[in-house]
Amino acid sequence: MEPLTDSPRVRSDSTSSSASQGSKSKTVLRQRLSQLLTCIEDMSSDDEASEEVSRTLEEAFQLCGRFIPTDAFRLHIVTWNVATAEPPEDATSLLQLDAQPPTDLYVIGLQEVNATPVRFITDLISEDSWSHVFMDSLAPRGFVKVTSVRMQGLLLLLFAKQIHLPYIRNIQTTYTRTGVFGYWGNKGGVSVRFSFYGHMLCFLNCHLAAHMNNALQRVDEFEYILETQDFDIYDTPQIRDHKVVFWFGDLNFRIADHGLHFLRSSINSGRLNLLWGKDQLLMMKKKEAFLQEFEEGPLNFKPTYKFDRNSDTYDTSGKKRKPAWTDRILWRIKPKPLPSEDDDEKASTSTDEEQDEYPVLVTQDKYTSDMSYGVSDHKPVIATFSLELRKVFDTPLVRVSPVGIWSADQDALLTYSVLEDFMSSTWDWIGLYKVGFKTASDYETFVWVREKELPEINEVIQISVDKGQIPLLGGQYVLGYYSTNMQSITGLSDSFQILESKRAVMEGLVPEDINGVNK
């Protein structure tokens, strides 16, 4: 049997851990609409028909709203064991920058980033080389690095389209060491969790124990990470409390039993399906209940380990490591809680309806590797998802706006208003960002919010910006309100033009324009 060239779309939703719930919802909806048509035919009076039509339509619309989310977002995940290599100059293929529909969130998990003592200390002072490549590639496309977490060679990066920044909240990161009995961070997991339009998402990047015989140890390490990583959020204190969890990394599961010749023959002939039955992760999922909660698309791409560097040739060294799908991307939808024996039927139904009010549908659109990169002995693995959801909220916490014309020839004004109560602080600040900025700290200048007291809801506060802090050259800019407690931008202005300053001409930064001619 030949493998499929394109992986089928794999879908799951937050009302169930399988796609069957969505089909059930549509069936019920069709039944309601069928009843509506029957009612219209059978009613003996106009009043009776009108009442029945109204009731049935209301039920149908409630079902539509409950099970059919109104917004869709595209998620792009990359996992790559980079084997201490320096990044390639061009990350275009890896990020699929021109994909349609356009991406909203990028999550990039790397393993074995160069973590020698000198290099690691250098990276703590400034961004590492891999982060620079991704920021340089994504910032011109309007993506901002929201956060990152590093544990020795493990690195996890989150980028979001600029327009989504005010709706990404409650950001927290953590890590767990599993190397050398938990004392060394060469193996383990790093994670980032956040609320995306009110939906709790968690991303976990792991590097688990190596070698063929350690499949059980890998499962134990993963379970340990799930149980020990804690977040300071009351309703999602652990990874599995989140509505959607994405688990990825160099999970190091191998292909058991088959000999090297059979492995390579199956790969070269495209009969990848012959290897799935002996993939250790797929086998362990049959035995471990907690692994069964995680879904994965079909492995319709070649094993991504181990290659000779800068080639598409599997290991020809003396060790001749067997090819394996060590690099994986899985996801988990939080299962619906089982009703307790004390709950009566009415209470259980009410709980179900509340949980279904803001569902999330997860559809995997692509699951593949990128064979064009050869700096490592692993090939990167890419997965793209569609996240369909109903927004719990769609207004920012803070509204911030420029006032009047801005240029470095005069002091400027801005206003801000807190629209909803949150953990604001007198240490919050408002940054001036050039369009295409890379991170929240990549500002041209900033001003502190009002010092003496916290603002009232909807109170309009005006702040002056000294002209000496405004860029001399013109360009497109935005204002961003940064919350110190939330560690994120909670309000963004529309983009606006800063005019070129007369001082720029006087200081020779731009040519003088006389009668339409540059002098």
Protein backbone atom coordinates (compact mmCIF):
# COMPACT_ATOMS: atom_id res chain seq x y z
CA MET A 1 0.00 0.00 0.00
CA GLU A 2 1.45 3.34 -1.06
CA PRO A 3 1.42 6.12 1.57
CA LEU A 4 -0.79 9.08 0.92
CA THR A 5 0.98 12.12 -0.48
CA ASP A 6 -1.06 14.50 1.65
CA SER A 7 -2.08 13.69 5.20
CA PRO A 8 -5.85 13.82 5.72
CA ARG A 9 -7.27 16.52 7.93
CA VAL A 10 -7.56 15.20 11.48
CA ARG A 11 -10.16 16.95 13.59
CA SER A 12 -11.07 17.00 17.27
CA ASP A 13 -13.03 19.34 19.50
CA SER A 14 -13.28 20.47 23.11
CA THR A 15 -16.65 18.86 23.67
CA SER A 16 -15.18 15.42 23.08
CA SER A 17 -11.82 13.80 22.44
CA SER A 18 -12.98 12.55 19.03
CA ALA A 19 -14.65 13.97 15.96
CA SER A 20 -17.85 11.98 16.60
CA GLN A 21 -19.27 14.66 18.87
CA GLY A 22 -19.28 17.21 16.04
CA SER A 23 -21.13 14.75 13.78
CA LYS A 24 -23.63 14.08 16.54
CA SER A 25 -24.25 17.80 16.89
CA LYS A 26 -24.97 18.19 13.19
CA THR A 27 -27.33 15.19 13.29
CA VAL A 28 -29.31 16.74 16.15
CA LEU A 29 -29.42 20.05 14.30
CA ARG A 30 -30.78 18.38 11.17
CA GLN A 31 -33.42 16.64 13.29
CA ARG A 32 -34.54 19.98 14.76
CA LEU A 33 -34.83 21.56 11.31
CA SER A 34 -36.74 18.53 10.03
CA GLN A 35 -39.16 18.90 12.93
CA LEU A 36 -39.59 22.54 11.97
CA LEU A 37 -40.65 21.63 8.45
CA THR A 38 -43.06 18.99 9.80
CA CYS A 39 -44.56 21.51 12.21
CA ILE A 40 -45.19 23.99 9.41
CA GLU A 41 -47.06 21.32 7.43
CA ASP A 42 -49.13 19.98 10.34
CA MET A 43 -50.18 23.09 12.26
CA SER A 44 -53.92 23.76 12.15
CA SER A 45 -53.80 27.45 13.02
CA ASP A 46 -51.46 30.34 12.26
CA ASP A 47 -50.92 31.15 15.96
CA GLU A 48 -50.03 27.58 16.82
CA ALA A 49 -47.71 27.32 13.83
CA SER A 50 -45.99 30.60 14.68
CA GLU A 51 -45.33 29.54 18.27
CA GLU A 52 -43.97 26.13 17.27
CA VAL A 53 -41.80 27.57 14.51
CA SER A 54 -40.35 30.14 16.91
CA ARG A 55 -39.52 27.53 19.54
CA THR A 56 -37.91 25.10 17.09
CA LEU A 57 -35.91 27.81 15.37
CA GLU A 58 -34.60 29.01 18.72
CA GLU A 59 -33.41 25.49 19.59
CA ALA A 60 -31.77 25.15 16.17
CA PHE A 61 -29.95 28.47 16.47
CA GLN A 62 -28.76 27.55 19.96
CA LEU A 63 -27.30 24.35 18.57
CA CYS A 64 -25.62 26.30 15.77
CA GLY A 65 -24.07 28.71 18.23
CA ARG A 66 -23.01 25.96 20.62
CA PHE A 67 -21.28 23.63 18.21
CA ILE A 68 -20.18 25.84 15.32
CA PRO A 69 -17.45 28.29 16.36
CA THR A 70 -17.39 31.67 14.67
CA ASP A 71 -13.65 32.31 14.21
CA ALA A 72 -10.79 30.25 12.80
CA PHE A 73 -7.08 30.74 13.46
CA ARG A 74 -4.11 29.02 11.86
CA LEU A 75 -1.37 27.53 14.06
CA HIS A 76 2.06 26.55 12.72
CA ILE A 77 4.23 24.29 14.93
CA VAL A 78 7.86 23.35 14.25
CA THR A 79 9.95 20.85 16.19
CA TRP A 80 13.62 20.33 15.36
CA ASN A 81 16.61 18.76 17.08
CA VAL A 82 19.29 21.09 15.72
CA ALA A 83 22.23 19.07 17.11
CA THR A 84 24.14 22.20 18.32
CA ALA A 85 24.29 23.55 14.75
CA GLU A 86 24.04 27.21 13.86
CA PRO A 87 20.77 28.19 12.14
CA PRO A 88 20.41 28.34 8.36
CA GLU A 89 20.31 31.79 6.80
CA ASP A 90 16.89 31.23 5.26
CA ALA A 91 13.94 29.96 7.32
CA THR A 92 11.31 30.64 4.66
CA SER A 93 10.59 26.99 3.87
CA LEU A 94 10.50 26.03 7.53
CA LEU A 95 7.96 28.75 8.37
CA GLN A 96 5.97 28.53 5.11
CA LEU A 97 5.59 32.30 5.18
CA ASP A 98 3.38 32.53 2.11
CA ALA A 99 0.95 29.78 3.12
CA GLN A 100 -2.78 30.32 2.74
CA PRO A 101 -4.75 30.93 4.83
CA PRO A 102 -2.18 33.11 6.62
CA THR A 103 -0.76 31.96 9.94
CA ASP A 104 -1.84 33.54 13.24
CA LEU A 105 0.47 31.77 15.73
CA TYR A 106 3.93 30.26 15.32
CA VAL A 107 5.23 27.88 18.01
CA ILE A 108 8.80 26.66 17.51
CA GLY A 109 10.38 24.00 19.70
CA LEU A 110 14.09 23.27 19.36
CA GLN A 111 16.25 20.67 21.05
CA GLU A 112 20.05 20.54 21.44
CA VAL A 113 20.58 24.24 20.87
CA ASN A 114 24.27 24.94 21.51
CA ALA A 115 24.49 25.14 25.32
CA THR A 116 28.20 25.14 26.13
CA PRO A 117 28.78 27.20 29.30
CA VAL A 118 30.18 30.23 27.47
CA ARG A 119 27.50 30.13 24.79
CA PHE A 120 24.68 29.62 27.29
CA ILE A 121 25.76 32.64 29.37
CA THR A 122 26.04 34.73 26.20
CA ASP A 123 22.51 33.73 25.17
CA LEU A 124 21.18 34.76 28.57
CA ILE A 125 22.52 38.28 27.99
CA SER A 126 21.17 38.60 24.46
CA GLU A 127 18.91 36.58 22.16
CA ASP A 128 20.39 33.33 20.86
CA SER A 129 21.18 32.97 17.16
CA TRP A 130 18.14 30.78 16.47
CA SER A 131 15.75 33.30 18.00
CA HIS A 132 17.34 36.04 15.90
CA VAL A 133 16.75 34.12 12.66
CA PHE A 134 13.08 33.55 13.47
CA MET A 135 12.53 37.14 14.64
CA ASP A 136 14.24 38.53 11.54
CA SER A 137 12.06 36.32 9.33
CA LEU A 138 8.75 36.92 11.09
CA ALA A 139 8.89 40.58 12.21
CA PRO A 140 8.63 42.00 8.65
CA ARG A 141 5.47 39.88 8.28
CA GLY A 142 3.88 41.48 11.35
CA PHE A 143 4.72 38.78 13.92
CA VAL A 144 5.95 39.61 17.41
CA LYS A 145 7.77 37.26 19.77
CA VAL A 146 5.37 36.94 22.69
CA THR A 147 7.59 34.88 24.98
CA SER A 148 10.24 32.17 25.09
CA VAL A 149 11.61 29.68 27.60
CA ARG A 150 15.06 28.07 27.62
CA MET A 151 16.47 25.14 29.58
CA GLN A 152 20.02 24.44 28.41
CA GLY A 153 19.54 23.03 24.90
CA LEU A 154 15.73 23.14 24.97
CA LEU A 155 14.18 26.30 23.50
CA LEU A 156 10.51 27.13 22.99
CA LEU A 157 9.39 30.28 21.11
CA LEU A 158 5.92 31.76 20.68
CA PHE A 159 5.16 34.30 17.95
CA ALA A 160 1.78 35.92 17.27
CA LYS A 161 0.40 38.20 14.63
CA GLN A 162 0.50 41.74 16.01
CA ILE A 163 -3.29 42.14 16.03
CA HIS A 164 -3.66 39.21 18.47
CA LEU A 165 -1.30 40.55 21.15
CA PRO A 166 -3.97 42.19 23.38
CA TYR A 167 -5.90 38.91 23.45
CA ILE A 168 -3.01 36.71 24.60
CA ARG A 169 -3.07 36.80 28.40
CA ASN A 170 -1.98 34.89 31.50
CA ILE A 171 1.32 33.92 29.90
CA GLN A 172 3.47 31.60 32.00
CA THR A 173 6.48 29.43 31.24
CA THR A 174 8.15 26.64 33.18
CA TYR A 175 10.53 23.71 32.73
CA THR A 176 11.30 20.28 34.14
CA ARG A 177 14.69 18.54 34.16
CA THR A 178 14.80 14.76 33.71
CA GLY A 179 18.48 14.24 32.84
CA VAL A 180 20.73 12.66 35.49
CA PHE A 181 17.85 11.89 37.85
CA GLY A 182 16.33 15.34 37.40
CA TYR A 183 19.48 17.31 38.22
CA TRP A 184 20.59 18.08 34.67
CA GLY A 185 18.66 19.90 31.97
CA ASN A 186 19.98 18.13 28.88
CA LYS A 187 16.68 16.22 28.86
CA GLY A 188 13.21 17.22 30.03
CA GLY A 189 10.47 19.59 28.97
CA VAL A 190 9.82 23.33 28.63
CA SER A 191 6.33 24.74 28.30
CA VAL A 192 4.42 27.93 27.71
CA ARG A 193 0.76 28.39 28.58
CA PHE A 194 -1.54 31.30 27.82
CA SER A 195 -5.11 32.32 27.26
CA PHE A 196 -5.97 32.95 23.60
CA TYR A 197 -9.22 34.92 23.33
CA GLY A 198 -10.17 33.30 26.63
CA HIS A 199 -9.25 29.70 25.70
CA MET A 200 -6.51 28.02 27.74
CA LEU A 201 -3.74 26.59 25.55
CA CYS A 202 -0.51 24.88 26.57
CA PHE A 203 2.53 23.98 24.42
CA LEU A 204 5.07 21.47 25.70
CA ASN A 205 8.46 20.92 24.04
CA CYS A 206 10.25 17.76 25.22
CA HIS A 207 13.56 16.00 24.73
CA LEU A 208 13.23 12.53 26.21
CA ALA A 209 15.70 9.73 26.92
CA ALA A 210 17.54 8.31 23.92
CA HIS A 211 18.32 4.77 22.67
CA MET A 212 16.17 1.86 21.53
CA ASN A 213 15.74 0.13 24.89
CA ASN A 214 14.43 3.14 26.81
CA ALA A 215 10.83 3.31 25.57
CA LEU A 216 9.41 2.79 29.07
CA GLN A 217 11.73 5.43 30.49
CA ARG A 218 10.49 7.90 27.88
CA VAL A 219 6.89 7.25 28.90
CA ASP A 220 7.81 7.65 32.58
CA GLU A 221 9.63 10.93 31.88
CA PHE A 222 6.67 12.34 29.98
CA GLU A 223 4.24 11.34 32.73
CA TYR A 224 6.56 12.91 35.31
CA ILE A 225 6.64 16.18 33.34
CA LEU A 226 2.83 16.23 33.10
CA GLU A 227 2.44 15.67 36.82
CA THR A 228 5.10 18.06 38.12
CA GLN A 229 4.81 21.16 35.96
CA ASP A 230 2.71 23.72 37.85
CA PHE A 231 1.27 27.09 36.85
CA ASP A 232 0.12 29.90 39.09
CA ILE A 233 -3.41 29.89 37.64
CA TYR A 234 -6.25 28.61 39.79
CA ASP A 235 -8.31 26.93 37.02
CA THR A 236 -5.37 25.51 35.03
CA PRO A 237 -2.67 24.62 37.58
CA GLN A 238 -1.28 21.72 35.52
CA ILE A 239 -0.75 20.92 31.86
CA ARG A 240 -3.72 18.59 31.49
CA ASP A 241 -6.09 21.22 32.93
CA HIS A 242 -5.80 23.28 29.72
CA LYS A 243 -8.47 23.05 27.06
CA VAL A 244 -5.92 22.16 24.36
CA VAL A 245 -2.38 20.82 24.86
CA PHE A 246 0.20 20.44 22.09
CA TRP A 247 3.04 18.02 22.88
CA PHE A 248 6.04 17.87 20.59
CA GLY A 249 9.81 17.55 20.45
CA ASP A 250 12.52 14.93 20.05
CA LEU A 251 10.54 12.27 21.86
CA ASN A 252 13.17 9.70 20.84
CA PHE A 253 10.78 6.80 20.24
CA ARG A 254 12.28 4.30 17.82
CA ILE A 255 11.11 1.61 15.40
CA ALA A 256 11.48 -1.71 17.22
CA ASP A 257 12.35 -5.21 15.95
CA HIS A 258 12.85 -4.47 12.26
CA GLY A 259 16.37 -4.78 10.90
CA LEU A 260 18.24 -1.95 9.19
CA HIS A 261 17.85 -3.43 5.70
CA PHE A 262 14.07 -3.83 6.05
CA LEU A 263 13.73 -0.28 7.43
CA ARG A 264 15.64 1.31 4.58
CA SER A 265 13.93 -0.85 1.96
CA SER A 266 10.47 0.11 3.27
CA ILE A 267 11.41 3.81 3.33
CA ASN A 268 12.96 3.82 -0.15
CA SER A 269 9.93 2.05 -1.64
CA GLY A 270 7.49 4.42 0.08
CA ARG A 271 5.88 1.63 2.13
CA LEU A 272 5.98 3.54 5.39
CA ASN A 273 2.84 1.78 6.60
CA LEU A 274 4.91 -1.39 7.11
CA LEU A 275 6.79 0.38 9.91
CA TRP A 276 3.90 1.92 11.85
CA GLY A 277 3.10 -1.27 13.79
CA LYS A 278 6.56 -1.28 15.37
CA ASP A 279 6.77 2.44 16.15
CA GLN A 280 7.34 2.54 19.90
CA LEU A 281 5.11 5.55 20.54
CA LEU A 282 2.18 4.00 18.68
CA MET A 283 2.74 0.74 20.57
CA MET A 284 2.96 2.49 23.96
CA LYS A 285 -0.27 4.38 23.25
CA LYS A 286 -2.09 1.05 23.17
CA LYS A 287 -0.88 0.30 26.70
CA GLU A 288 -0.97 3.66 28.48
CA ALA A 289 -4.33 5.34 29.05
CA PHE A 290 -2.90 8.84 29.47
CA LEU A 291 -1.10 8.57 26.11
CA GLN A 292 -4.36 7.60 24.43
CA GLU A 293 -5.69 11.08 25.21
CA PHE A 294 -3.15 12.51 22.75
CA GLU A 295 -3.90 12.46 19.05
CA GLU A 296 -1.45 12.38 16.16
CA GLY A 297 -1.80 12.56 12.41
CA PRO A 298 -0.57 9.69 10.20
CA LEU A 299 3.19 9.32 9.74
CA ASN A 300 3.15 9.84 5.99
CA PHE A 301 6.64 11.32 5.92
CA LYS A 302 10.03 9.63 6.09
CA PRO A 303 11.59 9.02 9.51
CA THR A 304 13.44 12.19 10.48
CA TYR A 305 16.43 10.59 12.26
CA LYS A 306 19.30 9.91 11.67
CA PHE A 307 20.87 11.60 8.61
CA ASP A 308 24.37 12.43 7.49
CA ARG A 309 24.62 16.19 7.81
CA ASN A 310 23.93 18.28 4.74
CA SER A 311 22.39 15.32 2.93
CA ASP A 312 19.25 13.23 2.54
CA THR A 313 21.20 10.04 3.27
CA TYR A 314 20.53 8.06 6.43
CA ASP A 315 23.45 7.48 8.79
CA THR A 316 26.47 5.95 7.05
CA SER A 317 28.81 6.25 10.04
CA GLY A 318 30.16 3.22 11.84
CA LYS A 319 27.18 3.24 14.24
CA LYS A 320 24.62 3.11 11.40
CA ARG A 321 21.73 4.26 13.59
CA LYS A 322 18.36 2.90 12.48
CA PRO A 323 15.97 5.49 10.99
CA ALA A 324 13.15 6.49 13.34
CA TRP A 325 10.32 8.97 13.79
CA THR A 326 11.93 10.51 16.85
CA ASP A 327 10.49 13.98 16.15
CA ARG A 328 6.73 14.20 16.71
CA ILE A 329 3.82 16.59 17.20
CA LEU A 330 0.68 15.49 19.08
CA TRP A 331 -2.26 17.25 20.67
CA ARG A 332 -4.86 16.64 23.34
CA ILE A 333 -8.36 18.04 23.84
CA LYS A 334 -9.39 18.15 27.48
CA PRO A 335 -11.89 15.30 28.01
CA LYS A 336 -15.32 16.11 29.36
CA PRO A 337 -15.53 15.24 33.07
CA LEU A 338 -17.58 12.20 33.92
CA PRO A 339 -20.71 13.04 35.98
CA SER A 340 -20.50 11.93 39.59
CA GLU A 341 -23.05 9.55 41.06
CA ASP A 342 -24.44 12.35 43.23
CA ASP A 343 -25.30 14.56 40.24
CA ASP A 344 -28.85 14.23 39.01
CA GLU A 345 -29.62 14.30 35.32
CA LYS A 346 -30.65 17.95 35.31
CA ALA A 347 -27.44 19.12 36.95
CA SER A 348 -25.35 17.07 34.53
CA THR A 349 -27.16 18.52 31.52
CA SER A 350 -26.64 22.04 32.79
CA THR A 351 -22.91 21.43 33.23
CA ASP A 352 -22.60 20.04 29.71
CA GLU A 353 -24.30 23.09 28.23
CA GLU A 354 -21.96 25.44 30.08
CA GLN A 355 -18.91 23.55 28.81
CA ASP A 356 -20.21 23.61 25.24
CA GLU A 357 -20.77 27.37 25.30
CA TYR A 358 -17.23 28.11 24.09
CA PRO A 359 -16.01 25.03 22.21
CA VAL A 360 -12.70 24.68 20.36
CA LEU A 361 -12.36 22.58 17.23
CA VAL A 362 -8.84 21.46 16.31
CA THR A 363 -8.17 20.33 12.75
CA GLN A 364 -4.73 19.20 11.65
CA ASP A 365 -4.18 20.39 8.09
CA LYS A 366 -0.59 19.26 7.56
CA TYR A 367 1.91 16.93 9.23
CA THR A 368 5.20 16.55 7.42
CA SER A 369 8.96 17.02 7.52
CA ASP A 370 11.15 19.46 5.60
CA MET A 371 13.96 17.55 3.91
CA SER A 372 15.60 20.69 2.54
CA TYR A 373 17.47 21.46 5.77
CA GLY A 374 20.68 19.58 6.45
CA VAL A 375 22.51 21.43 9.24
CA SER A 376 21.45 18.74 11.74
CA ASP A 377 21.26 14.95 11.75
CA HIS A 378 17.51 15.40 12.32
CA LYS A 379 15.04 16.86 9.82
CA PRO A 380 12.54 19.41 11.15
CA VAL A 381 8.91 18.35 11.51
CA ILE A 382 6.06 20.75 10.76
CA ALA A 383 2.37 20.60 11.64
CA THR A 384 -0.29 23.15 10.86
CA PHE A 385 -3.66 23.32 12.58
CA SER A 386 -6.90 25.21 12.29
CA LEU A 387 -8.24 26.36 15.66
CA GLU A 388 -11.94 27.12 15.36
CA LEU A 389 -13.38 28.80 18.42
CA ARG A 390 -15.87 31.22 19.84
CA LYS A 391 -14.07 34.15 21.43
CA VAL A 392 -14.75 34.49 25.14
CA PHE A 393 -13.85 38.18 24.74
CA ASP A 394 -12.95 40.42 21.81
CA THR A 395 -12.05 43.75 23.42
CA PRO A 396 -8.60 44.70 24.78
CA LEU A 397 -8.00 45.51 28.42
CA VAL A 398 -6.65 48.95 27.54
CA ARG A 399 -7.38 51.42 24.76
CA VAL A 400 -4.40 53.58 23.79
CA SER A 401 -4.31 56.25 21.06
CA PRO A 402 -2.04 59.02 19.75
CA VAL A 403 -3.43 62.55 19.86
CA GLY A 404 -2.92 64.94 16.95
CA ILE A 405 0.14 65.05 14.71
CA TRP A 406 3.38 63.48 15.89
CA SER A 407 6.88 64.65 14.93
CA ALA A 408 10.13 65.32 16.73
CA ASP A 409 9.58 69.07 16.25
CA GLN A 410 7.16 69.25 19.19
CA ASP A 411 6.03 67.34 22.25
CA ALA A 412 3.35 64.77 21.51
CA LEU A 413 0.29 63.54 23.38
CA LEU A 414 -1.29 60.15 23.87
CA THR A 415 -4.31 58.92 25.80
CA TYR A 416 -5.13 55.59 27.40
CA SER A 417 -8.19 54.13 29.13
CA VAL A 418 -8.50 50.93 31.13
CA LEU A 419 -11.59 49.19 29.74
CA GLU A 420 -11.75 46.28 32.19
CA ASP A 421 -10.40 45.66 35.66
CA PHE A 422 -7.10 43.77 35.64
CA MET A 423 -3.84 43.72 37.62
CA SER A 424 -2.66 47.09 36.39
CA SER A 425 0.29 48.72 38.07
CA THR A 426 2.03 52.08 38.28
CA TRP A 427 5.01 50.20 36.83
CA ASP A 428 3.12 49.66 33.57
CA TRP A 429 4.38 51.62 30.58
CA ILE A 430 3.38 52.59 27.06
CA GLY A 431 5.89 51.92 24.31
CA LEU A 432 6.26 53.53 20.90
CA TYR A 433 6.91 50.77 18.37
CA LYS A 434 7.91 51.00 14.74
CA VAL A 435 5.64 48.76 12.65
CA GLY A 436 7.50 45.48 12.25
CA PHE A 437 8.83 45.41 15.83
CA LYS A 438 10.17 42.09 17.11
CA THR A 439 9.36 41.94 20.84
CA ALA A 440 7.67 43.97 23.56
CA SER A 441 11.09 45.37 24.51
CA ASP A 442 11.83 46.46 20.92
CA TYR A 443 10.45 49.98 21.45
CA GLU A 444 11.75 53.31 20.17
CA THR A 445 10.88 55.02 23.46
CA PHE A 446 8.40 54.60 26.31
CA VAL A 447 6.55 56.57 28.95
CA TRP A 448 5.37 55.41 32.36
CA VAL A 449 1.67 55.35 33.04
CA ARG A 450 0.24 57.69 35.69
CA GLU A 451 2.39 57.39 38.80
CA LYS A 452 0.24 58.33 41.78
CA GLU A 453 -2.87 56.19 41.48
CA LEU A 454 -4.43 53.51 39.36
CA PRO A 455 -7.05 54.72 36.86
CA GLU A 456 -10.77 54.19 37.10
CA ILE A 457 -12.51 52.09 34.45
CA ASN A 458 -12.97 54.10 31.23
CA GLU A 459 -11.15 57.11 32.69
CA VAL A 460 -9.28 58.89 29.87
CA ILE A 461 -5.72 59.70 30.92
CA GLN A 462 -3.47 61.96 28.85
CA ILE A 463 0.34 61.69 28.85
CA SER A 464 2.92 63.90 27.17
CA VAL A 465 5.85 62.47 25.20
CA ASP A 466 8.96 64.65 25.08
CA LYS A 467 9.90 65.62 21.52
CA GLY A 468 13.49 64.58 22.20
CA GLN A 469 12.28 60.97 22.53
CA ILE A 470 10.38 60.92 19.23
CA PRO A 471 12.17 59.52 16.15
CA LEU A 472 13.52 62.20 13.80
CA LEU A 473 12.67 60.24 10.68
CA GLY A 474 9.09 59.60 9.64
CA GLY A 475 7.42 56.21 9.51
CA GLN A 476 4.53 54.03 10.63
CA TYR A 477 4.27 53.38 14.37
CA VAL A 478 1.96 51.93 17.00
CA LEU A 479 1.55 52.53 20.71
CA GLY A 480 1.44 49.52 23.03
CA TYR A 481 0.39 49.37 26.70
CA TYR A 482 2.63 46.89 28.50
CA SER A 483 1.38 45.29 31.71
CA THR A 484 4.24 44.50 34.11
CA ASN A 485 2.16 42.02 36.11
CA MET A 486 0.82 40.21 33.04
CA GLN A 487 4.15 40.41 31.18
CA SER A 488 2.36 41.21 27.94
CA ILE A 489 1.00 43.98 25.73
CA THR A 490 -2.62 44.46 26.75
CA GLY A 491 -3.57 47.27 24.35
CA LEU A 492 -2.39 48.44 20.92
CA SER A 493 -3.27 51.57 18.99
CA ASP A 494 -3.98 51.65 15.30
CA SER A 495 -0.87 52.36 13.25
CA PHE A 496 -0.20 56.06 12.71
CA GLN A 497 2.29 58.22 10.83
CA ILE A 498 5.11 60.10 12.52
CA LEU A 499 6.09 62.98 10.26
CA GLU A 500 9.66 63.60 9.25
CA SER A 501 11.19 66.22 11.51
CA LYS A 502 12.74 69.47 10.37
CA ARG A 503 15.63 68.55 12.66
CA ALA A 504 16.28 65.50 10.46
CA VAL A 505 17.04 67.84 7.55
CA MET A 506 19.13 70.17 9.72
CA GLU A 507 21.21 67.27 11.00
CA GLY A 508 21.70 65.91 7.49
CA LEU A 509 19.78 62.68 8.07
CA VAL A 510 17.67 63.34 4.94
CA PRO A 511 18.31 65.61 1.93
CA GLU A 512 16.70 69.04 1.88
CA ASP A 513 13.82 69.36 -0.57
CA ILE A 514 13.86 72.74 -2.40
CA ASN A 515 11.24 73.38 -5.08
CA GLY A 516 10.66 69.66 -5.40
CA VAL A 517 14.35 68.87 -5.91
CA ASN A 518 16.54 67.13 -3.34
CA LYS A 519 19.66 69.17 -2.56
